[in-house]
Amino acid sequence: MQKPQAKSIFLFKTLTIMYERKIPESYECGISIAIKVVGGKWKAWILDCIQRGKRRPNDIHKEMHEAAPRVINMLLKELVELGILHKKVYEGLPLKVEYYLTDLGTSLLPVIQSMNTWGEDNREAILQNSKNMVLTDYD
């Protein structure tokens, strides 16, 4: 009886553009740039987690249980590409990955802290004003 031969299977990931912008992004305004980096529902929270020592994706997922792990991973990748985070991959099994703030990312921390302070200081007013209003999530 012949022994079955192993077959190699190669899978190729095809990149698909999900959305092509009709109007190009403008980087003339500093606010536009800042919003690109920390805007959205999760990015500022991710950066806060990392600066507080939660550097492994699993630890970030545990703290941010409202966000899907896929979304967090996608945003971590985007922040690395923007130069805000540095991804360090350790050799060995199991694979270990950690994220660290770059100097550029560290320079964002006062902005994030200011956003947090403003939110804490104005929480009651915003909640009171939004009782009869449906807030729209644009993410």
N, C-alpha and C. Protein backbone atom coordinates (compact mmCIF):
# COMPACT_ATOMS: atom_id res chain seq x y z
N MET A 1 0.84 -1.17 0.00
CA MET A 1 0.00 0.00 0.00
C MET A 1 0.88 1.23 0.00
N GLN A 2 0.58 2.15 -0.90
CA GLN A 2 1.38 3.37 -1.00
C GLN A 2 0.92 4.39 0.03
N LYS A 3 1.92 5.10 0.53
CA LYS A 3 1.65 6.16 1.50
C LYS A 3 1.19 7.40 0.73
N PRO A 4 0.09 8.03 1.14
CA PRO A 4 -0.37 9.23 0.44
C PRO A 4 0.66 10.35 0.57
N GLN A 5 0.86 11.05 -0.53
CA GLN A 5 1.83 12.14 -0.52
C GLN A 5 1.15 13.42 -0.06
N ALA A 6 1.93 14.19 0.70
CA ALA A 6 1.41 15.48 1.18
C ALA A 6 1.34 16.45 0.01
N LYS A 7 0.28 17.19 -0.04
CA LYS A 7 0.12 18.20 -1.07
C LYS A 7 0.28 19.57 -0.43
N SER A 8 0.91 20.45 -1.14
CA SER A 8 1.06 21.82 -0.66
C SER A 8 -0.08 22.66 -1.20
N ILE A 9 -0.66 23.41 -0.33
CA ILE A 9 -1.73 24.31 -0.72
C ILE A 9 -1.27 25.72 -0.42
N PHE A 10 -1.35 26.58 -1.40
CA PHE A 10 -0.95 27.97 -1.22
C PHE A 10 -2.20 28.85 -1.30
N LEU A 11 -2.35 29.65 -0.30
CA LEU A 11 -3.46 30.58 -0.28
C LEU A 11 -2.93 31.99 -0.45
N PHE A 12 -3.52 32.73 -1.32
CA PHE A 12 -3.11 34.10 -1.55
C PHE A 12 -4.24 35.03 -1.12
N LYS A 13 -3.88 36.01 -0.36
CA LYS A 13 -4.86 36.99 0.09
C LYS A 13 -4.97 38.08 -0.95
N THR A 14 -6.16 38.33 -1.39
CA THR A 14 -6.40 39.38 -2.37
C THR A 14 -6.85 40.63 -1.64
N LEU A 15 -6.18 41.73 -1.91
CA LEU A 15 -6.57 42.99 -1.31
C LEU A 15 -7.66 43.62 -2.15
N THR A 16 -8.71 44.01 -1.51
CA THR A 16 -9.82 44.64 -2.19
C THR A 16 -10.05 46.00 -1.59
N ILE A 17 -10.18 46.99 -2.43
CA ILE A 17 -10.49 48.32 -1.94
C ILE A 17 -11.98 48.35 -1.67
N MET A 18 -12.32 48.53 -0.39
CA MET A 18 -13.72 48.51 0.01
C MET A 18 -14.43 49.81 -0.34
N TYR A 19 -13.69 50.90 -0.30
CA TYR A 19 -14.30 52.20 -0.52
C TYR A 19 -13.25 53.12 -1.11
N GLU A 20 -13.58 53.75 -2.17
CA GLU A 20 -12.68 54.72 -2.77
C GLU A 20 -13.27 56.11 -2.56
N ARG A 21 -12.49 56.98 -1.95
CA ARG A 21 -12.98 58.32 -1.65
C ARG A 21 -13.23 59.11 -2.92
N LYS A 22 -14.39 59.74 -2.97
CA LYS A 22 -14.71 60.60 -4.12
C LYS A 22 -14.06 61.96 -3.94
N ILE A 23 -13.97 62.41 -2.70
CA ILE A 23 -13.31 63.67 -2.39
C ILE A 23 -12.02 63.34 -1.65
N PRO A 24 -10.88 63.75 -2.17
CA PRO A 24 -9.62 63.42 -1.49
C PRO A 24 -9.54 64.07 -0.12
N GLU A 25 -8.85 63.39 0.80
CA GLU A 25 -8.67 63.94 2.14
C GLU A 25 -7.79 65.17 2.07
N SER A 26 -8.12 66.17 2.87
CA SER A 26 -7.33 67.39 2.93
C SER A 26 -6.48 67.36 4.19
N TYR A 27 -5.20 67.63 4.01
CA TYR A 27 -4.28 67.68 5.14
C TYR A 27 -3.73 69.09 5.32
N GLU A 28 -4.49 70.08 4.86
CA GLU A 28 -4.08 71.47 4.99
C GLU A 28 -4.33 71.97 6.41
N CYS A 29 -5.30 71.40 7.08
CA CYS A 29 -5.73 71.85 8.40
C CYS A 29 -5.21 70.88 9.46
N GLY A 30 -4.61 71.42 10.51
CA GLY A 30 -4.09 70.58 11.59
C GLY A 30 -5.15 69.75 12.28
N ILE A 31 -6.36 70.29 12.37
CA ILE A 31 -7.44 69.53 13.01
C ILE A 31 -7.77 68.28 12.20
N SER A 32 -7.75 68.40 10.88
CA SER A 32 -8.00 67.23 10.02
C SER A 32 -6.97 66.13 10.26
N ILE A 33 -5.73 66.54 10.41
CA ILE A 33 -4.66 65.57 10.65
C ILE A 33 -4.86 64.90 12.01
N ALA A 34 -5.14 65.71 13.04
CA ALA A 34 -5.33 65.16 14.38
C ALA A 34 -6.52 64.21 14.41
N ILE A 35 -7.60 64.56 13.73
CA ILE A 35 -8.78 63.70 13.71
C ILE A 35 -8.47 62.40 12.97
N LYS A 36 -7.66 62.46 11.93
CA LYS A 36 -7.26 61.24 11.22
C LYS A 36 -6.56 60.27 12.17
N VAL A 37 -5.74 60.84 13.06
CA VAL A 37 -4.94 60.01 13.96
C VAL A 37 -5.74 59.55 15.18
N VAL A 38 -6.48 60.43 15.85
CA VAL A 38 -7.17 60.03 17.08
C VAL A 38 -8.68 60.04 16.97
N GLY A 39 -9.21 60.36 15.79
CA GLY A 39 -10.65 60.39 15.62
C GLY A 39 -11.24 58.99 15.63
N GLY A 40 -12.52 58.94 15.72
CA GLY A 40 -13.20 57.64 15.74
C GLY A 40 -13.47 57.21 17.17
N LYS A 41 -14.08 56.08 17.27
CA LYS A 41 -14.57 55.60 18.56
C LYS A 41 -13.48 55.00 19.45
N TRP A 42 -12.44 54.40 18.85
CA TRP A 42 -11.55 53.56 19.64
C TRP A 42 -10.10 54.00 19.71
N LYS A 43 -9.63 54.81 18.79
CA LYS A 43 -8.18 55.09 18.70
C LYS A 43 -7.62 55.74 19.96
N ALA A 44 -8.29 56.76 20.49
CA ALA A 44 -7.79 57.42 21.70
C ALA A 44 -7.75 56.43 22.86
N TRP A 45 -8.75 55.57 22.95
CA TRP A 45 -8.80 54.57 24.02
C TRP A 45 -7.65 53.56 23.86
N ILE A 46 -7.37 53.16 22.63
CA ILE A 46 -6.24 52.25 22.38
C ILE A 46 -4.94 52.89 22.85
N LEU A 47 -4.72 54.14 22.48
CA LEU A 47 -3.49 54.84 22.87
C LEU A 47 -3.40 54.98 24.39
N ASP A 48 -4.53 55.24 25.03
CA ASP A 48 -4.55 55.34 26.49
C ASP A 48 -4.20 54.00 27.13
N CYS A 49 -4.75 52.91 26.59
CA CYS A 49 -4.43 51.57 27.10
C CYS A 49 -2.93 51.30 27.02
N ILE A 50 -2.35 51.61 25.89
CA ILE A 50 -0.92 51.33 25.68
C ILE A 50 -0.06 52.17 26.61
N GLN A 51 -0.42 53.45 26.80
CA GLN A 51 0.40 54.28 27.68
C GLN A 51 0.26 53.86 29.14
N ARG A 52 -0.83 53.15 29.49
CA ARG A 52 -1.01 52.62 30.85
C ARG A 52 -0.41 51.24 31.02
N GLY A 53 0.28 50.72 29.98
CA GLY A 53 1.00 49.47 30.13
C GLY A 53 0.35 48.25 29.50
N LYS A 54 -0.81 48.40 28.91
CA LYS A 54 -1.47 47.26 28.24
C LYS A 54 -0.96 47.23 26.81
N ARG A 55 0.09 46.47 26.58
CA ARG A 55 0.79 46.51 25.30
C ARG A 55 0.47 45.32 24.38
N ARG A 56 -0.03 44.25 24.96
CA ARG A 56 -0.34 43.08 24.14
C ARG A 56 -1.77 43.17 23.63
N PRO A 57 -2.00 42.76 22.38
CA PRO A 57 -3.36 42.86 21.82
C PRO A 57 -4.43 42.22 22.68
N ASN A 58 -4.12 41.08 23.27
CA ASN A 58 -5.11 40.39 24.10
C ASN A 58 -5.51 41.24 25.31
N ASP A 59 -4.54 41.93 25.93
CA ASP A 59 -4.84 42.79 27.07
C ASP A 59 -5.70 43.98 26.65
N ILE A 60 -5.42 44.51 25.48
CA ILE A 60 -6.22 45.63 24.96
C ILE A 60 -7.65 45.15 24.68
N HIS A 61 -7.78 43.96 24.08
CA HIS A 61 -9.11 43.40 23.79
C HIS A 61 -9.91 43.21 25.08
N LYS A 62 -9.25 42.73 26.14
CA LYS A 62 -9.95 42.50 27.41
C LYS A 62 -10.48 43.80 28.00
N GLU A 63 -9.69 44.87 27.91
CA GLU A 63 -10.14 46.15 28.45
C GLU A 63 -11.22 46.78 27.58
N MET A 64 -11.09 46.63 26.28
CA MET A 64 -12.02 47.26 25.34
C MET A 64 -13.00 46.21 24.81
N HIS A 65 -13.68 45.52 25.71
CA HIS A 65 -14.54 44.41 25.29
C HIS A 65 -15.71 44.85 24.42
N GLU A 66 -16.02 46.15 24.38
CA GLU A 66 -17.10 46.62 23.51
C GLU A 66 -16.70 46.60 22.04
N ALA A 67 -15.41 46.68 21.78
CA ALA A 67 -14.91 46.70 20.40
C ALA A 67 -14.54 45.29 19.96
N ALA A 68 -14.85 44.98 18.73
CA ALA A 68 -14.50 43.67 18.19
C ALA A 68 -12.98 43.56 18.05
N PRO A 69 -12.40 42.41 18.38
CA PRO A 69 -10.95 42.24 18.24
C PRO A 69 -10.44 42.58 16.83
N ARG A 70 -11.24 42.25 15.83
CA ARG A 70 -10.85 42.54 14.45
C ARG A 70 -10.68 44.05 14.24
N VAL A 71 -11.59 44.83 14.81
CA VAL A 71 -11.52 46.29 14.68
C VAL A 71 -10.29 46.82 15.40
N ILE A 72 -10.05 46.32 16.61
CA ILE A 72 -8.87 46.77 17.37
C ILE A 72 -7.60 46.44 16.60
N ASN A 73 -7.51 45.23 16.06
CA ASN A 73 -6.32 44.85 15.29
C ASN A 73 -6.13 45.73 14.06
N MET A 74 -7.22 46.06 13.40
CA MET A 74 -7.15 46.92 12.22
C MET A 74 -6.65 48.32 12.62
N LEU A 75 -7.15 48.85 13.73
CA LEU A 75 -6.74 50.17 14.18
C LEU A 75 -5.30 50.17 14.68
N LEU A 76 -4.87 49.10 15.33
CA LEU A 76 -3.46 48.99 15.75
C LEU A 76 -2.56 49.05 14.52
N LYS A 77 -2.93 48.32 13.48
CA LYS A 77 -2.16 48.33 12.24
C LYS A 77 -2.11 49.74 11.65
N GLU A 78 -3.24 50.43 11.63
CA GLU A 78 -3.29 51.79 11.08
C GLU A 78 -2.40 52.74 11.89
N LEU A 79 -2.44 52.62 13.22
CA LEU A 79 -1.61 53.48 14.07
C LEU A 79 -0.13 53.19 13.88
N VAL A 80 0.21 51.94 13.60
CA VAL A 80 1.61 51.61 13.28
C VAL A 80 2.01 52.26 11.96
N GLU A 81 1.14 52.15 10.96
CA GLU A 81 1.43 52.73 9.64
C GLU A 81 1.57 54.25 9.70
N LEU A 82 0.82 54.89 10.60
CA LEU A 82 0.91 56.34 10.76
C LEU A 82 2.14 56.77 11.57
N GLY A 83 2.83 55.80 12.17
CA GLY A 83 4.02 56.12 12.96
C GLY A 83 3.71 56.50 14.40
N ILE A 84 2.50 56.23 14.85
CA ILE A 84 2.08 56.54 16.22
C ILE A 84 2.50 55.43 17.17
N LEU A 85 2.46 54.21 16.69
CA LEU A 85 2.84 53.03 17.48
C LEU A 85 3.98 52.29 16.80
N HIS A 86 4.72 51.55 17.61
CA HIS A 86 5.75 50.64 17.11
C HIS A 86 5.33 49.24 17.52
N LYS A 87 5.35 48.32 16.57
CA LYS A 87 4.97 46.93 16.83
C LYS A 87 6.25 46.12 17.02
N LYS A 88 6.35 45.44 18.16
CA LYS A 88 7.51 44.59 18.42
C LYS A 88 7.06 43.15 18.47
N VAL A 89 7.65 42.32 17.61
CA VAL A 89 7.31 40.90 17.54
C VAL A 89 8.47 40.12 18.13
N TYR A 90 8.18 39.32 19.16
CA TYR A 90 9.20 38.51 19.81
C TYR A 90 9.25 37.14 19.15
N GLU A 91 10.45 36.63 18.98
CA GLU A 91 10.61 35.31 18.39
C GLU A 91 10.18 34.24 19.37
N GLY A 92 9.87 33.10 18.83
CA GLY A 92 9.51 31.96 19.66
C GLY A 92 8.04 31.64 19.57
N LEU A 93 7.71 30.51 20.18
CA LEU A 93 6.32 30.08 20.22
C LEU A 93 5.87 30.02 21.67
N PRO A 94 4.74 30.48 22.02
CA PRO A 94 3.79 31.16 21.16
C PRO A 94 4.30 32.54 20.77
N LEU A 95 3.81 33.00 19.64
CA LEU A 95 4.18 34.30 19.13
C LEU A 95 3.74 35.38 20.12
N LYS A 96 4.62 36.34 20.36
CA LYS A 96 4.30 37.41 21.30
C LYS A 96 4.49 38.74 20.58
N VAL A 97 3.46 39.58 20.63
CA VAL A 97 3.49 40.89 19.99
C VAL A 97 3.16 41.93 21.05
N GLU A 98 3.91 43.03 21.02
CA GLU A 98 3.62 44.16 21.90
C GLU A 98 3.68 45.45 21.11
N TYR A 99 2.90 46.43 21.55
CA TYR A 99 2.86 47.73 20.90
C TYR A 99 3.38 48.78 21.87
N TYR A 100 4.17 49.70 21.34
CA TYR A 100 4.73 50.79 22.13
C TYR A 100 4.47 52.11 21.42
N LEU A 101 4.30 53.17 22.20
CA LEU A 101 4.16 54.50 21.62
C LEU A 101 5.50 54.96 21.07
N THR A 102 5.48 55.55 19.90
CA THR A 102 6.68 56.20 19.36
C THR A 102 6.74 57.60 19.97
N ASP A 103 7.77 58.35 19.65
CA ASP A 103 7.84 59.74 20.12
C ASP A 103 6.66 60.53 19.59
N LEU A 104 6.28 60.27 18.36
CA LEU A 104 5.11 60.93 17.77
C LEU A 104 3.84 60.57 18.54
N GLY A 105 3.71 59.30 18.89
CA GLY A 105 2.56 58.86 19.67
C GLY A 105 2.55 59.45 21.07
N THR A 106 3.71 59.53 21.69
CA THR A 106 3.81 60.12 23.03
C THR A 106 3.40 61.59 23.00
N SER A 107 3.68 62.26 21.89
CA SER A 107 3.30 63.67 21.80
C SER A 107 1.78 63.87 21.75
N LEU A 108 1.03 62.80 21.49
CA LEU A 108 -0.44 62.87 21.48
C LEU A 108 -1.06 62.74 22.86
N LEU A 109 -0.31 62.25 23.82
CA LEU A 109 -0.88 61.97 25.14
C LEU A 109 -1.50 63.20 25.80
N PRO A 110 -0.87 64.40 25.74
CA PRO A 110 -1.54 65.57 26.33
C PRO A 110 -2.88 65.89 25.65
N VAL A 111 -2.97 65.64 24.36
CA VAL A 111 -4.23 65.88 23.64
C VAL A 111 -5.30 64.92 24.16
N ILE A 112 -4.95 63.66 24.30
CA ILE A 112 -5.89 62.65 24.78
C ILE A 112 -6.29 62.95 26.22
N GLN A 113 -5.32 63.37 27.04
CA GLN A 113 -5.63 63.73 28.43
C GLN A 113 -6.58 64.92 28.48
N SER A 114 -6.36 65.91 27.60
CA SER A 114 -7.26 67.07 27.55
C SER A 114 -8.67 66.65 27.14
N MET A 115 -8.77 65.73 26.18
CA MET A 115 -10.08 65.23 25.77
C MET A 115 -10.78 64.53 26.94
N ASN A 116 -10.02 63.74 27.69
CA ASN A 116 -10.57 63.03 28.83
C ASN A 116 -11.05 64.02 29.90
N THR A 117 -10.23 65.01 30.19
CA THR A 117 -10.59 66.01 31.20
C THR A 117 -11.85 66.76 30.79
N TRP A 118 -11.92 67.17 29.53
CA TRP A 118 -13.10 67.88 29.04
C TRP A 118 -14.34 67.01 29.16
N GLY A 119 -14.21 65.74 28.78
CA GLY A 119 -15.34 64.81 28.87
C GLY A 119 -15.81 64.62 30.31
N GLU A 120 -14.86 64.45 31.23
CA GLU A 120 -15.21 64.29 32.65
C GLU A 120 -15.88 65.55 33.19
N ASP A 121 -15.32 66.71 32.86
CA ASP A 121 -15.85 67.99 33.36
C ASP A 121 -17.24 68.30 32.80
N ASN A 122 -17.55 67.83 31.62
CA ASN A 122 -18.80 68.19 30.95
C ASN A 122 -19.77 67.03 30.77
N ARG A 123 -19.50 65.91 31.42
CA ARG A 123 -20.33 64.71 31.29
C ARG A 123 -21.80 65.01 31.59
N GLU A 124 -22.08 65.61 32.72
CA GLU A 124 -23.47 65.85 33.13
C GLU A 124 -24.21 66.75 32.15
N ALA A 125 -23.55 67.81 31.70
CA ALA A 125 -24.20 68.73 30.75
C ALA A 125 -24.51 68.03 29.44
N ILE A 126 -23.57 67.26 28.94
CA ILE A 126 -23.78 66.55 27.67
C ILE A 126 -24.88 65.51 27.82
N LEU A 127 -24.87 64.77 28.93
CA LEU A 127 -25.91 63.76 29.15
C LEU A 127 -27.29 64.42 29.28
N GLN A 128 -27.34 65.53 29.99
CA GLN A 128 -28.60 66.25 30.15
C GLN A 128 -29.11 66.77 28.80
N ASN A 129 -28.22 67.34 28.01
CA ASN A 129 -28.61 67.91 26.71
C ASN A 129 -28.96 66.85 25.69
N SER A 130 -28.46 65.66 25.88
CA SER A 130 -28.69 64.62 24.87
C SER A 130 -29.79 63.64 25.25
N LYS A 131 -30.51 63.90 26.35
CA LYS A 131 -31.57 62.97 26.78
C LYS A 131 -32.61 62.72 25.70
N ASN A 132 -33.03 63.77 25.03
CA ASN A 132 -34.07 63.64 24.01
C ASN A 132 -33.51 63.60 22.60
N MET A 133 -32.23 63.36 22.51
CA MET A 133 -31.56 63.40 21.21
C MET A 133 -30.94 62.04 20.94
N VAL A 134 -30.99 61.61 19.69
CA VAL A 134 -30.34 60.37 19.30
C VAL A 134 -28.97 60.74 18.78
N LEU A 135 -27.92 60.26 19.46
CA LEU A 135 -26.56 60.52 19.01
C LEU A 135 -26.23 59.58 17.86
N THR A 136 -25.65 60.09 16.82
CA THR A 136 -25.29 59.30 15.65
C THR A 136 -23.83 58.90 15.73
N ASP A 137 -23.57 57.65 15.49
CA ASP A 137 -22.20 57.14 15.48
C ASP A 137 -21.74 57.11 14.03
N TYR A 138 -20.74 57.92 13.71
CA TYR A 138 -20.25 58.02 12.33
C TYR A 138 -19.09 57.08 12.04
N ASP A 139 -18.74 56.18 12.95
CA ASP A 139 -17.63 55.25 12.70
C ASP A 139 -18.04 54.15 11.78
